[in-house]
Amino acid sequence: MAKKKTVKKSRAKKQDKGWVNKYTLTTLVFFVWLAFFDKYNFITQFKLANNVEKLENQKADYERMLDEAVVERETINQNIEKYGREKYLFHKENEEIILIK
């Protein structure tokens, strides 16, 4: 019986490694693979997130510029003769243009 106790103690010493086993090592290798070697690694995801943010800001700027252009187009269509006279100095044949600055 004394030998059985020593065998159990030696097995306990071998299993005393705690968290180091084939499952934790496999999981660790999996996460390292995902973090650095995979097509969608963390660095690539970070760059893509920054690119998306930059593109969303550009989209907002273009939408703002489009709204301004639509408002300007409406004012031009409402006062096309006034706009042509002010911006391009259009005049009728018997009119003179005097610029005051």
Protein backbone atom coordinates (compact mmCIF):
# COMPACT_ATOMS: atom_id res chain seq x y z
CA MET A 1 0.00 0.00 0.00
CA ALA A 2 2.85 2.35 0.54
CA LYS A 3 3.74 2.18 -3.13
CA LYS A 4 0.26 3.24 -4.20
CA LYS A 5 0.49 6.37 -2.13
CA THR A 6 3.78 7.34 -3.72
CA VAL A 7 2.36 6.77 -7.18
CA LYS A 8 -0.55 9.05 -6.38
CA LYS A 9 1.81 11.71 -5.08
CA SER A 10 3.96 11.58 -8.20
CA ARG A 11 0.87 11.92 -10.40
CA ALA A 12 -0.25 14.87 -8.31
CA LYS A 13 3.14 16.50 -8.84
CA LYS A 14 2.84 16.04 -12.60
CA GLN A 15 -0.65 17.54 -12.67
CA ASP A 16 0.35 20.40 -10.37
CA LYS A 17 1.11 22.64 -13.37
CA GLY A 18 -2.23 24.33 -12.88
CA TRP A 19 -3.50 26.13 -15.94
CA VAL A 20 -0.99 24.67 -18.39
CA ASN A 21 -2.72 21.90 -20.31
CA LYS A 22 -3.53 21.14 -23.93
CA TYR A 23 -6.78 23.15 -23.88
CA THR A 24 -5.30 26.36 -22.53
CA LEU A 25 -2.32 26.10 -24.86
CA THR A 26 -4.63 25.53 -27.82
CA THR A 27 -6.74 28.51 -26.78
CA LEU A 28 -3.66 30.67 -26.36
CA VAL A 29 -2.33 29.69 -29.79
CA PHE A 30 -5.75 30.41 -31.29
CA PHE A 31 -5.87 33.94 -29.83
CA VAL A 32 -2.29 34.66 -30.89
CA TRP A 33 -3.17 33.51 -34.40
CA LEU A 34 -6.23 35.77 -34.46
CA ALA A 35 -4.31 38.72 -33.06
CA PHE A 36 -1.34 38.71 -35.43
CA PHE A 37 -1.52 36.24 -38.31
CA ASP A 38 -5.14 36.12 -39.40
CA LYS A 39 -6.50 38.08 -42.35
CA TYR A 40 -8.64 40.13 -39.96
CA ASN A 41 -6.05 40.74 -37.23
CA PHE A 42 -6.28 43.54 -34.69
CA ILE A 43 -3.97 45.92 -36.58
CA THR A 44 -6.01 45.59 -39.77
CA GLN A 45 -9.24 46.10 -37.84
CA PHE A 46 -7.84 49.26 -36.22
CA LYS A 47 -6.81 50.69 -39.61
CA LEU A 48 -10.18 49.85 -41.12
CA ALA A 49 -12.04 51.49 -38.22
CA ASN A 50 -10.01 54.68 -38.69
CA ASN A 51 -10.68 54.61 -42.41
CA VAL A 52 -14.42 54.19 -41.84
CA GLU A 53 -14.46 57.13 -39.44
CA LYS A 54 -12.60 59.31 -41.94
CA LEU A 55 -15.01 58.36 -44.73
CA GLU A 56 -18.04 59.06 -42.55
CA ASN A 57 -16.66 62.55 -41.81
CA GLN A 58 -16.15 63.15 -45.53
CA LYS A 59 -19.70 61.96 -46.20
CA ALA A 60 -21.07 64.43 -43.65
CA ASP A 61 -19.06 67.25 -45.25
CA TYR A 62 -20.34 66.39 -48.73
CA GLU A 63 -23.92 66.20 -47.48
CA ARG A 64 -23.53 69.66 -45.91
CA MET A 65 -22.09 71.04 -49.16
CA LEU A 66 -24.95 69.43 -51.11
CA ASP A 67 -27.53 71.09 -48.86
CA GLU A 68 -25.85 74.47 -49.37
CA ALA A 69 -25.82 73.93 -53.16
CA VAL A 70 -29.51 73.01 -53.19
CA VAL A 71 -30.40 76.17 -51.26
CA GLU A 72 -28.26 78.29 -53.60
CA ARG A 73 -29.87 76.65 -56.65
CA GLU A 74 -33.35 77.44 -55.32
CA THR A 75 -32.44 81.09 -54.79
CA ILE A 76 -30.92 81.28 -58.27
CA ASN A 77 -34.04 79.77 -59.86
CA GLN A 78 -36.27 82.22 -57.99
CA ASN A 79 -34.22 85.31 -58.92
CA ILE A 80 -32.43 84.27 -62.08
CA GLU A 81 -32.39 87.74 -63.65
CA LYS A 82 -31.11 89.37 -60.45
CA TYR A 83 -28.45 86.68 -60.06
CA GLY A 84 -27.23 87.10 -63.63
CA ARG A 85 -27.05 90.87 -63.28
CA GLU A 86 -25.13 90.71 -59.97
CA LYS A 87 -22.74 87.83 -60.62
CA TYR A 88 -22.10 88.07 -64.36
CA LEU A 89 -22.90 91.73 -65.00
CA PHE A 90 -25.60 90.96 -67.56
CA HIS A 91 -27.48 93.96 -68.87
CA LYS A 92 -30.02 94.88 -71.46
CA GLU A 93 -29.00 96.68 -74.66
CA ASN A 94 -30.02 100.14 -73.56
CA GLU A 95 -28.69 99.91 -70.00
CA GLU A 96 -25.40 100.99 -68.51
CA ILE A 97 -23.69 99.20 -65.64
CA ILE A 98 -22.13 101.18 -62.85
CA LEU A 99 -20.13 99.24 -60.27
CA ILE A 100 -19.90 100.64 -56.77
CA LYS A 101 -17.44 98.97 -54.44
